Structure formats: structure tokens, C-alpha cells
Protein backbone atom coordinates (compact mmCIF):
# COMPACT_ATOMS: atom_id res chain seq x y z
CA MET A 1 57.49 5.65 -10.46
CA LYS A 2 56.22 8.95 -9.07
CA LYS A 3 54.50 9.86 -12.37
CA SER A 4 52.47 6.64 -12.42
CA LEU A 5 51.08 7.21 -8.90
CA PRO A 6 48.87 10.20 -9.91
CA VAL A 7 47.60 8.24 -12.91
CA VAL A 8 46.62 5.36 -10.61
CA LYS A 9 44.88 7.79 -8.24
CA VAL A 10 42.98 9.42 -11.09
CA MET A 11 41.94 6.04 -12.48
CA PHE A 12 40.88 4.85 -9.04
CA ALA A 13 38.85 8.06 -8.49
CA ALA A 14 37.23 7.72 -11.93
CA ILE A 15 36.25 4.08 -11.31
CA MET A 16 34.84 4.90 -7.86
CA THR A 17 32.85 7.82 -9.31
CA LEU A 18 31.38 5.60 -12.04
CA LEU A 19 30.46 2.94 -9.51
CA ALA A 20 28.80 5.53 -7.28
CA LEU A 21 26.83 7.02 -10.18
CA PHE A 22 25.74 3.56 -11.34
CA SER A 23 24.57 2.66 -7.84
CA ILE A 24 22.64 5.90 -7.42
CA GLU A 25 21.03 5.56 -10.85
CA THR A 26 20.05 1.94 -10.18
CA PHE A 27 18.61 2.88 -6.79
CA PHE A 28 16.39 5.62 -8.24
CA GLN A 29 15.25 3.45 -11.14
CA LYS A 30 14.25 0.71 -8.72
CA GLU A 31 12.39 3.15 -6.47
CA LEU A 32 10.48 4.66 -9.39
CA LYS A 33 9.39 1.23 -10.52
CA LEU A 34 8.33 0.30 -7.01
CA THR A 35 6.44 3.47 -6.15
CA PHE A 36 3.83 3.35 -8.89
CA LYS A 37 1.30 0.56 -8.45
CA ALA A 38 -0.54 -1.54 -11.00
CA THR A 39 -4.28 -1.34 -11.36
CA TYR A 40 -6.49 -4.26 -10.43
CA HIS A 41 -8.88 -5.88 -12.89
CA ASN A 42 -11.22 -8.88 -12.91
CA ILE A 43 -11.84 -8.63 -9.16
CA ILE A 44 -14.71 -10.92 -8.20
CA LYS A 45 -14.50 -10.73 -4.41
CA VAL A 46 -13.53 -8.15 -1.79
CA GLU A 47 -13.08 -9.16 1.83
CA VAL A 48 -13.18 -6.48 4.51
CA LYS A 49 -11.91 -7.34 7.97
CA TYR A 50 -12.81 -5.13 10.93
CA PRO A 51 -10.37 -5.62 13.81
CA ASP A 52 -12.39 -4.22 16.72
CA SER A 53 -15.52 -6.26 16.07
CA LYS A 54 -14.34 -9.75 16.94
CA ASN A 55 -12.57 -9.88 13.59
CA THR A 56 -15.77 -9.58 11.60
CA ILE A 57 -15.23 -10.20 7.90
CA LEU A 58 -17.62 -8.83 5.29
CA VAL A 59 -17.47 -10.50 1.89
CA TYR A 60 -18.63 -8.65 -1.20
CA ASP A 61 -18.91 -10.87 -4.26
CA VAL A 62 -19.53 -9.96 -7.86
CA GLN A 63 -22.91 -11.74 -7.95
CA HIS A 64 -24.47 -9.82 -5.05
CA HIS A 65 -22.46 -6.58 -4.81
CA PRO A 66 -21.01 -5.70 -8.24
CA GLU A 67 -21.36 -1.93 -7.73
CA LYS A 68 -19.70 -2.07 -4.30
CA ILE A 69 -16.77 -4.09 -5.66
CA THR A 70 -16.35 -1.75 -8.62
CA ALA A 71 -16.42 1.34 -6.38
CA ILE A 72 -13.86 -0.04 -3.90
CA VAL A 73 -11.51 -1.23 -6.66
CA ASN A 74 -11.85 2.10 -8.50
CA ASP A 75 -10.95 4.05 -5.33
CA ILE A 76 -7.88 1.85 -4.92
CA ASN A 77 -6.96 2.01 -8.62
CA ILE A 78 -7.06 5.83 -8.55
CA GLN A 79 -4.16 5.65 -6.10
CA SER A 80 -2.08 3.70 -8.62
CA TYR A 81 -1.16 6.82 -10.54
CA LYS A 82 0.33 8.55 -7.52
CA SER A 83 3.60 7.94 -5.69
CA TRP A 84 3.65 5.39 -2.92
CA ILE A 85 6.21 5.21 -0.14
CA ARG A 86 7.95 1.99 0.78
CA ALA A 87 7.29 0.75 4.31
CA ASN A 88 10.11 -1.53 5.40
CA GLY A 89 8.74 -2.50 8.75
CA GLY A 90 7.21 -1.17 11.89
CA LYS A 91 3.99 -1.78 13.72
CA GLU A 92 0.72 -1.50 11.93
CA THR A 93 -1.86 0.29 14.05
CA GLY A 94 -4.58 -1.84 15.57
CA GLY A 95 -7.40 0.35 14.27
CA VAL A 96 -6.93 -0.44 10.58
CA VAL A 97 -9.45 -2.12 8.32
CA GLY A 98 -8.10 -4.94 6.15
CA ILE A 99 -9.20 -5.10 2.51
CA SER A 100 -8.32 -8.11 0.35
CA LEU A 101 -8.97 -8.33 -3.40
CA TYR A 102 -9.53 -11.64 -5.20
CA ASP A 103 -9.38 -12.14 -8.96
CA ASN A 104 -11.48 -14.35 -11.20
CA THR A 105 -9.41 -17.40 -10.21
CA ASN A 106 -10.39 -16.73 -6.58
CA GLN A 107 -6.74 -16.02 -5.68
CA SER A 108 -5.85 -13.10 -3.44
CA VAL A 109 -4.12 -10.51 -5.63
CA ALA A 110 -3.66 -7.73 -3.08
CA SER A 111 -4.15 -6.94 0.57
CA PHE A 112 -4.54 -3.42 1.97
CA SER A 113 -4.74 -1.78 5.36
CA LEU A 114 -7.04 1.22 5.47
CA SER A 115 -6.98 3.97 8.05
CA PRO A 116 -8.51 7.45 7.78
CA ASP A 117 -5.26 8.99 6.60
CA MET A 118 -3.43 6.13 4.89
CA LEU A 119 -3.82 3.24 2.49
CA LEU A 120 -1.11 0.59 2.82
CA GLU A 121 -0.68 -2.12 0.23
CA ARG A 122 0.76 -4.97 2.23
CA GLY A 123 3.71 -6.91 0.99
CA GLU A 124 4.46 -10.56 1.51
CA ASN A 125 4.93 -10.06 5.24
CA TYR A 126 1.81 -8.39 6.56
CA ARG A 127 1.77 -9.28 10.21
CA GLN A 128 0.86 -6.59 12.74
CA LEU A 129 4.52 -6.32 13.71
CA GLY A 130 7.09 -5.86 11.01
CA VAL A 131 4.53 -4.93 8.37
CA SER A 132 6.03 -4.23 4.98
CA GLY A 133 4.63 -2.89 1.74
CA PHE A 134 3.83 0.51 0.27
CA TYR A 135 1.66 3.23 1.72
CA LYS A 136 -0.02 6.31 0.38
CA PRO A 137 -1.26 9.16 2.58
CA ILE A 138 -4.90 9.80 1.66
CA ASN A 139 -7.82 11.95 2.68
CA LEU A 140 -10.56 9.39 3.16
CA LYS A 141 -13.28 11.95 2.42
CA GLU A 142 -12.07 12.09 -1.20
CA TYR A 143 -12.82 8.39 -1.78
CA PRO A 144 -16.49 7.59 -1.10
CA ALA A 145 -16.24 3.80 -1.43
CA LEU A 146 -13.28 3.57 0.95
CA GLN A 147 -15.00 6.01 3.31
CA GLY A 148 -18.06 3.73 3.20
CA VAL A 149 -15.88 0.76 4.15
CA TRP A 150 -14.40 2.71 7.06
CA CYS A 151 -17.77 4.13 8.20
CA ASN A 152 -19.53 0.76 8.32
CA PRO A 153 -21.36 0.46 11.67
CA ILE A 154 -19.48 -2.78 12.30
CA ASN A 155 -16.23 -0.80 12.58
CA THR A 156 -16.44 -0.04 16.28
CA GLY A 157 -13.92 0.52 19.01
CA THR A 158 -12.39 3.39 20.94
CA TYR A 159 -10.00 4.51 18.22
CA ASN A 160 -12.53 4.17 15.43
CA SER A 161 -15.32 5.96 17.30
CA LEU A 162 -13.05 8.98 17.91
CA VAL A 163 -12.18 9.19 14.23
CA ARG A 164 -15.74 8.31 13.09
CA ASN A 165 -17.10 11.66 14.28
CA LYS A 166 -14.87 13.50 11.79
CA LEU A 167 -15.39 11.21 8.79
CA CYS A 168 -18.82 9.62 8.89
């Protein structure tokens, strides 16, 4: 009886080790899949919402602003090849600019929050409180189209005017 006890302990330890390794491997595989974003194609409309200007929404469509749409989508697509960090909740700052992309079926395919130092791709739940999604720290000066969205004269307010002096 005493000889079988160490065998049981060794087997138990081996099974627990395998389960732990499997869990860790699965976790990292999932995170790698989730932290690299897809690129967006066939975008026909971009909506930009400025929070401090009575919720002004600018709409760029492919008929009137094809270069603007291409530039904004390209600046966002460049981020796709870099790691993104999962945001599981928290409060989104009030000074962000919302960017929504619509495909050729006029369905929203992605929604982003833009601030001078971050681009957040919003998940299913994109309320101000409890925002979820993926974010990428950015230097807005490196992305002219996104900087142009941020530096639009419509984007006013105390927070934005303080940051505007550095970026625009």
C-alpha cells in the first residue's frame, strides 16, 4: 500500500503539470490571436464624432471624400501589424474622438476612440463606462490623417485645447 502512494502522487503531479501547461499555452495562443488586428477594406463611409462640440458628427463618404477616407483607413490599418492591448473595462476619457468605419454594405465594421496618445478599437460594449476592446499607444504626430481628425477646428473643449497646442 505504501509503494502505490508515491506512484499516485507522481501521477497526480504529472496530470496537474500537463493541465497547467495546456492552460498557459491556450492562454498565450488566444492572446496572440486577439492582439493583432485585421485590416479594413471596402470602407465607403467614415463618421467622426466630436464630444465637446454638442456631439457634432462629420461624415466622410467615398463619393465626396475618397482621399480622406483612404488616408484615415490607412493610418488605422498601419496599426494592425503591431500589438494591441486588451482593455477589459474602465472609463473612457471624455475628450476622445469617435471614429466609425462602414463597409460597402453600409454596416458599421469598426468603432474607434482616438486620443492624442491612444487608439482604442471598441468592442461590443463601448459605453463611456465599462468600455472594452483593444488599445494601442500611438504618437499622433506619426499619423497625419488621424492627426487631421484630432486637429479639426470643431474639436474644441478645455481638454482638447490644452492638447491642441502640442499637436496641431
